Amino acid sequence: MRGERAVADGLPTDAPHAFGVFDTTLCGIQKAGMSLSDRWWLPERENACGACREVAGVIAGRWPQAMRGEGARVSVARRL
């Protein structure tokens, strides 16, 4: 379970947030102009946003087993 890290002016920097879609983090913070970082958001990091971690866990649990292997996932946001 990993995702793209969210980057935006005014986004709290104390805990990295996972990018969702449409200028919103997985935990629901919305900032105009939010983008993807070139760095991964890793939920196992001690300072990762706990609310983003919870949502990422729910999303990961919904993926079919065949889509959980290394390289199986692709960013839907990058396709938009």
Protein backbone atom coordinates (compact mmCIF):
# COMPACT_ATOMS: atom_id res chain seq x y z
CA MET A 1 0.00 0.00 0.00
CA ARG A 2 1.52 3.26 -1.14
CA GLY A 3 0.41 6.32 -3.00
CA GLU A 4 1.47 9.65 -4.34
CA ARG A 5 2.26 12.37 -1.85
CA ALA A 6 0.13 15.53 -2.04
CA VAL A 7 1.78 18.93 -2.49
CA ALA A 8 0.02 22.30 -2.16
CA ASP A 9 0.52 25.73 -0.68
CA GLY A 10 -1.04 25.78 2.77
CA LEU A 11 -1.10 22.01 3.19
CA PRO A 12 0.03 21.05 6.70
CA THR A 13 3.66 19.90 6.60
CA ASP A 14 3.79 18.10 9.95
CA ALA A 15 2.40 14.92 8.41
CA PRO A 16 2.68 13.88 4.74
CA HIS A 17 -0.70 13.45 3.08
CA ALA A 18 -1.72 11.09 0.29
CA PHE A 19 -3.09 12.62 -2.89
CA GLY A 20 -6.66 11.64 -3.71
CA VAL A 21 -8.25 13.31 -6.73
CA PHE A 22 -9.45 16.76 -7.70
CA ASP A 23 -7.21 18.83 -5.37
CA THR A 24 -8.08 16.70 -2.34
CA THR A 25 -6.04 14.46 -0.03
CA LEU A 26 -7.35 11.04 0.98
CA CYS A 27 -8.30 12.49 4.37
CA GLY A 28 -10.37 15.24 2.74
CA ILE A 29 -8.17 18.35 2.82
CA GLN A 30 -8.87 20.37 -0.30
CA LYS A 31 -6.46 22.98 -1.66
CA ALA A 32 -6.64 24.62 -5.06
CA GLY A 33 -3.73 23.66 -7.27
CA MET A 34 -2.81 20.53 -5.30
CA SER A 35 -0.51 18.26 -7.25
CA LEU A 36 1.39 15.03 -6.95
CA SER A 37 4.86 15.04 -5.50
CA ASP A 38 7.70 13.16 -7.12
CA ARG A 39 7.97 11.34 -3.78
CA TRP A 40 5.83 8.42 -2.64
CA TRP A 41 3.44 8.70 0.29
CA LEU A 42 4.19 5.69 2.48
CA PRO A 43 1.64 4.83 5.18
CA GLU A 44 4.19 2.96 7.28
CA ARG A 45 6.13 6.16 7.93
CA GLU A 46 5.75 7.29 11.52
CA ASN A 47 4.64 10.81 10.58
CA ALA A 48 2.22 9.82 7.76
CA CYS A 49 -1.26 11.28 8.15
CA GLY A 50 -3.28 8.77 10.17
CA ALA A 51 -6.58 9.65 8.48
CA CYS A 52 -5.00 9.20 5.01
CA ARG A 53 -3.62 5.86 6.24
CA GLU A 54 -7.10 4.69 7.28
CA VAL A 55 -8.67 5.62 3.94
CA ALA A 56 -5.77 4.06 2.02
CA GLY A 57 -6.32 0.83 3.96
CA VAL A 58 -9.99 0.75 3.00
CA ILE A 59 -9.15 1.42 -0.66
CA ALA A 60 -6.38 -1.21 -0.69
CA GLY A 61 -8.77 -3.77 0.80
CA ARG A 62 -11.15 -3.27 -2.13
CA TRP A 63 -8.55 -4.02 -4.82
CA PRO A 64 -8.75 -7.53 -6.32
CA GLN A 65 -5.88 -9.80 -5.27
CA ALA A 66 -4.60 -9.93 -8.87
CA MET A 67 -4.12 -6.15 -8.81
CA ARG A 68 -2.09 -6.09 -5.58
CA GLY A 69 1.28 -7.24 -6.93
CA GLU A 70 4.29 -5.03 -7.56
CA GLY A 71 3.72 -2.93 -10.63
CA ALA A 72 0.04 -3.94 -10.92
CA ARG A 73 -1.33 -0.60 -9.77
CA VAL A 74 -1.35 2.51 -11.86
CA SER A 75 -2.31 6.03 -10.87
CA VAL A 76 -5.85 6.83 -11.95
CA ALA A 77 -5.22 10.52 -11.19
CA ARG A 78 -2.37 10.66 -13.71
CA ARG A 79 -4.76 9.47 -16.43
CA LEU A 80 -7.27 12.30 -15.88
